[in-house]
Amino acid sequence: MERTSPQAGRAARILERVRAIPEGFVRTYGDIDPAAPRLVGHVLAICDDDLPWHRVVRADGTAAMGARQLARLRREGVPFRGQRVDLSQARLPG
């Protein structure tokens, strides 16, 4: 029986939660893993899977990946207030 490390299991849960974000919505790093939002960023940075990384934003609605991320979110119809995602409208509940 193959054993997985706790970190591998946690990374898999992070990726599953990111994949579950539907088009037009976002979640914050803390929404994905409240105990380790920086780990979420690390997992996204090293993952080469095709996943909607652009749907994960900072807690203040700013985009960690800048203009490229903002452009993708705008194409999906995510609402903004200036240069920040309007989390009151775009944040996926739960």
N, C-alpha and C. Protein backbone atom coordinates (compact mmCIF):
# COMPACT_ATOMS: atom_id res chain seq x y z
N MET A 1 0.83 -1.17 0.00
CA MET A 1 0.00 0.00 0.00
C MET A 1 0.89 1.26 0.00
N GLU A 2 0.62 2.17 -0.94
CA GLU A 2 1.42 3.38 -1.04
C GLU A 2 0.93 4.41 -0.03
N ARG A 3 1.86 5.06 0.63
CA ARG A 3 1.50 6.08 1.61
C ARG A 3 1.84 7.44 1.04
N THR A 4 0.97 8.40 1.30
CA THR A 4 1.25 9.76 0.87
C THR A 4 1.55 10.60 2.09
N SER A 5 2.39 11.59 1.90
CA SER A 5 2.74 12.46 3.01
C SER A 5 1.58 13.40 3.31
N PRO A 6 1.53 13.89 4.52
CA PRO A 6 0.47 14.86 4.85
C PRO A 6 0.52 16.09 3.93
N GLN A 7 1.72 16.53 3.55
CA GLN A 7 1.86 17.69 2.65
C GLN A 7 1.30 17.38 1.27
N ALA A 8 1.52 16.17 0.79
CA ALA A 8 0.99 15.79 -0.53
C ALA A 8 -0.53 15.78 -0.50
N GLY A 9 -1.10 15.29 0.59
CA GLY A 9 -2.55 15.28 0.73
C GLY A 9 -3.10 16.69 0.82
N ARG A 10 -2.40 17.55 1.51
CA ARG A 10 -2.83 18.94 1.63
C ARG A 10 -2.76 19.64 0.28
N ALA A 11 -1.68 19.40 -0.46
CA ALA A 11 -1.54 19.99 -1.79
C ALA A 11 -2.65 19.51 -2.72
N ALA A 12 -3.00 18.25 -2.62
CA ALA A 12 -4.08 17.70 -3.46
C ALA A 12 -5.41 18.38 -3.13
N ARG A 13 -5.67 18.63 -1.85
CA ARG A 13 -6.90 19.33 -1.46
C ARG A 13 -6.91 20.76 -1.97
N ILE A 14 -5.76 21.41 -1.93
CA ILE A 14 -5.65 22.78 -2.46
C ILE A 14 -5.98 22.79 -3.94
N LEU A 15 -5.39 21.87 -4.69
CA LEU A 15 -5.64 21.82 -6.13
C LEU A 15 -7.10 21.50 -6.43
N GLU A 16 -7.70 20.64 -5.65
CA GLU A 16 -9.12 20.30 -5.83
C GLU A 16 -10.00 21.53 -5.60
N ARG A 17 -9.68 22.30 -4.57
CA ARG A 17 -10.47 23.50 -4.27
C ARG A 17 -10.31 24.56 -5.35
N VAL A 18 -9.12 24.70 -5.90
CA VAL A 18 -8.90 25.67 -6.98
C VAL A 18 -9.65 25.23 -8.24
N ARG A 19 -9.59 23.97 -8.57
CA ARG A 19 -10.31 23.46 -9.75
C ARG A 19 -11.83 23.65 -9.63
N ALA A 20 -12.33 23.70 -8.41
CA ALA A 20 -13.78 23.81 -8.18
C ALA A 20 -14.31 25.24 -8.31
N ILE A 21 -13.44 26.23 -8.48
CA ILE A 21 -13.90 27.61 -8.61
C ILE A 21 -14.47 27.80 -10.01
N PRO A 22 -15.76 28.12 -10.11
CA PRO A 22 -16.35 28.28 -11.45
C PRO A 22 -15.96 29.60 -12.11
N GLU A 23 -16.07 29.63 -13.41
CA GLU A 23 -15.80 30.83 -14.18
C GLU A 23 -16.66 31.98 -13.66
N GLY A 24 -16.05 33.15 -13.55
CA GLY A 24 -16.77 34.33 -13.08
C GLY A 24 -16.71 34.55 -11.58
N PHE A 25 -16.07 33.65 -10.87
CA PHE A 25 -15.94 33.75 -9.42
C PHE A 25 -14.49 33.66 -9.01
N VAL A 26 -14.20 34.07 -7.79
CA VAL A 26 -12.85 33.96 -7.23
C VAL A 26 -12.95 33.44 -5.80
N ARG A 27 -11.81 33.03 -5.29
CA ARG A 27 -11.63 32.74 -3.87
C ARG A 27 -10.30 33.34 -3.49
N THR A 28 -10.12 33.58 -2.21
CA THR A 28 -8.84 34.10 -1.74
C THR A 28 -7.93 32.94 -1.34
N TYR A 29 -6.66 33.25 -1.19
CA TYR A 29 -5.73 32.22 -0.73
C TYR A 29 -6.18 31.65 0.60
N GLY A 30 -6.68 32.53 1.49
CA GLY A 30 -7.18 32.09 2.79
C GLY A 30 -8.46 31.28 2.72
N ASP A 31 -9.27 31.52 1.69
CA ASP A 31 -10.47 30.71 1.49
C ASP A 31 -10.08 29.27 1.14
N ILE A 32 -9.03 29.14 0.36
CA ILE A 32 -8.59 27.82 -0.10
C ILE A 32 -8.03 27.01 1.07
N ASP A 33 -7.18 27.63 1.88
CA ASP A 33 -6.63 26.96 3.07
C ASP A 33 -6.40 28.02 4.14
N PRO A 34 -7.37 28.19 5.04
CA PRO A 34 -7.27 29.24 6.06
C PRO A 34 -6.03 29.12 6.95
N ALA A 35 -5.55 27.92 7.16
CA ALA A 35 -4.40 27.72 8.04
C ALA A 35 -3.07 27.99 7.33
N ALA A 36 -3.08 28.01 6.00
CA ALA A 36 -1.81 28.15 5.28
C ALA A 36 -2.00 28.82 3.91
N PRO A 37 -2.41 30.09 3.89
CA PRO A 37 -2.61 30.75 2.60
C PRO A 37 -1.33 30.84 1.76
N ARG A 38 -0.18 30.94 2.40
CA ARG A 38 1.08 30.99 1.64
C ARG A 38 1.37 29.65 0.97
N LEU A 39 0.96 28.59 1.60
CA LEU A 39 1.13 27.27 0.99
C LEU A 39 0.31 27.18 -0.30
N VAL A 40 -0.87 27.79 -0.31
CA VAL A 40 -1.69 27.81 -1.52
C VAL A 40 -0.90 28.45 -2.65
N GLY A 41 -0.30 29.60 -2.39
CA GLY A 41 0.52 30.27 -3.41
C GLY A 41 1.67 29.40 -3.88
N HIS A 42 2.31 28.72 -2.96
CA HIS A 42 3.44 27.85 -3.31
C HIS A 42 2.97 26.71 -4.20
N VAL A 43 1.88 26.07 -3.82
CA VAL A 43 1.35 24.94 -4.61
C VAL A 43 0.99 25.42 -6.02
N LEU A 44 0.34 26.57 -6.13
CA LEU A 44 -0.01 27.08 -7.45
C LEU A 44 1.23 27.41 -8.27
N ALA A 45 2.27 27.91 -7.61
CA ALA A 45 3.50 28.28 -8.31
C ALA A 45 4.24 27.07 -8.88
N ILE A 46 4.17 25.94 -8.20
CA ILE A 46 4.94 24.78 -8.66
C ILE A 46 4.10 23.78 -9.47
N CYS A 47 2.80 23.97 -9.50
CA CYS A 47 1.93 23.03 -10.20
C CYS A 47 1.94 23.33 -11.70
N ASP A 48 2.10 22.30 -12.50
CA ASP A 48 2.08 22.51 -13.95
C ASP A 48 0.78 22.02 -14.58
N ASP A 49 -0.20 21.68 -13.74
CA ASP A 49 -1.51 21.28 -14.24
C ASP A 49 -2.21 22.48 -14.85
N ASP A 50 -3.15 22.20 -15.72
CA ASP A 50 -3.98 23.25 -16.29
C ASP A 50 -5.12 23.52 -15.32
N LEU A 51 -4.96 24.54 -14.49
CA LEU A 51 -6.01 24.87 -13.53
C LEU A 51 -6.25 26.37 -13.51
N PRO A 52 -7.40 26.77 -13.00
CA PRO A 52 -7.76 28.19 -13.03
C PRO A 52 -7.07 28.99 -11.92
N TRP A 53 -5.76 29.05 -11.96
CA TRP A 53 -4.96 29.74 -10.95
C TRP A 53 -5.35 31.21 -10.83
N HIS A 54 -5.81 31.79 -11.94
CA HIS A 54 -6.14 33.21 -11.96
C HIS A 54 -7.37 33.54 -11.11
N ARG A 55 -8.13 32.55 -10.70
CA ARG A 55 -9.32 32.76 -9.88
C ARG A 55 -9.02 32.83 -8.39
N VAL A 56 -7.74 32.79 -8.03
CA VAL A 56 -7.33 32.91 -6.63
C VAL A 56 -6.66 34.27 -6.46
N VAL A 57 -7.23 35.10 -5.58
CA VAL A 57 -6.74 36.45 -5.38
C VAL A 57 -6.40 36.69 -3.92
N ARG A 58 -5.75 37.80 -3.67
CA ARG A 58 -5.42 38.17 -2.29
C ARG A 58 -6.69 38.58 -1.53
N ALA A 59 -6.59 38.62 -0.23
CA ALA A 59 -7.74 38.94 0.64
C ALA A 59 -8.28 40.34 0.41
N ASP A 60 -7.48 41.23 -0.17
CA ASP A 60 -7.95 42.59 -0.45
C ASP A 60 -8.46 42.74 -1.88
N GLY A 61 -8.52 41.63 -2.62
CA GLY A 61 -9.03 41.65 -3.98
C GLY A 61 -7.99 41.95 -5.04
N THR A 62 -6.75 42.14 -4.65
CA THR A 62 -5.71 42.40 -5.64
C THR A 62 -5.20 41.09 -6.24
N ALA A 63 -4.60 41.23 -7.41
CA ALA A 63 -4.12 40.06 -8.15
C ALA A 63 -2.62 39.90 -7.95
N ALA A 64 -2.21 38.78 -7.42
CA ALA A 64 -0.79 38.52 -7.18
C ALA A 64 0.01 38.48 -8.49
N MET A 65 -0.64 38.09 -9.57
CA MET A 65 0.06 37.96 -10.85
C MET A 65 -0.18 39.16 -11.78
N GLY A 66 -0.71 40.23 -11.24
CA GLY A 66 -0.80 41.48 -11.95
C GLY A 66 -1.72 41.51 -13.16
N ALA A 67 -1.28 42.24 -14.18
CA ALA A 67 -2.12 42.53 -15.36
C ALA A 67 -2.58 41.27 -16.07
N ARG A 68 -1.75 40.26 -16.15
CA ARG A 68 -2.12 39.01 -16.82
C ARG A 68 -3.31 38.35 -16.12
N GLN A 69 -3.27 38.32 -14.82
CA GLN A 69 -4.35 37.72 -14.04
C GLN A 69 -5.61 38.58 -14.15
N LEU A 70 -5.46 39.89 -14.03
CA LEU A 70 -6.61 40.79 -14.14
C LEU A 70 -7.31 40.64 -15.49
N ALA A 71 -6.54 40.53 -16.54
CA ALA A 71 -7.13 40.38 -17.88
C ALA A 71 -7.95 39.10 -17.98
N ARG A 72 -7.44 38.02 -17.44
CA ARG A 72 -8.18 36.75 -17.47
C ARG A 72 -9.50 36.86 -16.69
N LEU A 73 -9.43 37.49 -15.53
CA LEU A 73 -10.62 37.64 -14.71
C LEU A 73 -11.65 38.53 -15.41
N ARG A 74 -11.19 39.60 -16.03
CA ARG A 74 -12.12 40.49 -16.76
C ARG A 74 -12.80 39.74 -17.91
N ARG A 75 -12.04 38.92 -18.62
CA ARG A 75 -12.63 38.13 -19.72
C ARG A 75 -13.72 37.20 -19.22
N GLU A 76 -13.62 36.76 -17.98
CA GLU A 76 -14.63 35.87 -17.40
C GLU A 76 -15.80 36.63 -16.79
N GLY A 77 -15.74 37.95 -16.80
CA GLY A 77 -16.84 38.74 -16.27
C GLY A 77 -16.82 38.95 -14.77
N VAL A 78 -15.67 38.76 -14.15
CA VAL A 78 -15.53 38.99 -12.71
C VAL A 78 -15.69 40.49 -12.45
N PRO A 79 -16.55 40.89 -11.49
CA PRO A 79 -16.74 42.31 -11.20
C PRO A 79 -15.54 42.93 -10.46
N PHE A 80 -15.27 44.18 -10.79
CA PHE A 80 -14.14 44.90 -10.19
C PHE A 80 -14.60 46.20 -9.58
N ARG A 81 -13.78 46.67 -8.65
CA ARG A 81 -13.85 48.04 -8.13
C ARG A 81 -12.45 48.60 -8.36
N GLY A 82 -12.32 49.39 -9.38
CA GLY A 82 -10.98 49.87 -9.74
C GLY A 82 -10.13 48.72 -10.22
N GLN A 83 -8.96 48.55 -9.62
CA GLN A 83 -8.05 47.48 -9.99
C GLN A 83 -8.16 46.25 -9.08
N ARG A 84 -9.18 46.24 -8.24
CA ARG A 84 -9.38 45.12 -7.32
C ARG A 84 -10.67 44.38 -7.65
N VAL A 85 -10.63 43.09 -7.44
CA VAL A 85 -11.84 42.28 -7.60
C VAL A 85 -12.83 42.72 -6.52
N ASP A 86 -14.08 42.87 -6.89
CA ASP A 86 -15.13 43.21 -5.93
C ASP A 86 -15.53 41.91 -5.23
N LEU A 87 -14.89 41.65 -4.11
CA LEU A 87 -15.09 40.39 -3.40
C LEU A 87 -16.52 40.21 -2.89
N SER A 88 -17.22 41.30 -2.64
CA SER A 88 -18.60 41.18 -2.16
C SER A 88 -19.49 40.56 -3.22
N GLN A 89 -19.11 40.66 -4.48
CA GLN A 89 -19.90 40.08 -5.57
C GLN A 89 -19.25 38.84 -6.19
N ALA A 90 -17.95 38.81 -6.23
CA ALA A 90 -17.25 37.76 -6.98
C ALA A 90 -16.76 36.58 -6.14
N ARG A 91 -16.73 36.74 -4.84
CA ARG A 91 -16.17 35.69 -3.98
C ARG A 91 -17.15 34.53 -3.90
N LEU A 92 -16.65 33.36 -4.18
CA LEU A 92 -17.44 32.14 -4.11
C LEU A 92 -17.79 31.85 -2.66
N PRO A 93 -19.07 31.68 -2.34
CA PRO A 93 -19.43 31.39 -0.95
C PRO A 93 -18.93 30.01 -0.50
N GLY A 94 -18.73 29.93 0.78
CA GLY A 94 -18.40 28.66 1.41
C GLY A 94 -17.03 28.22 1.20
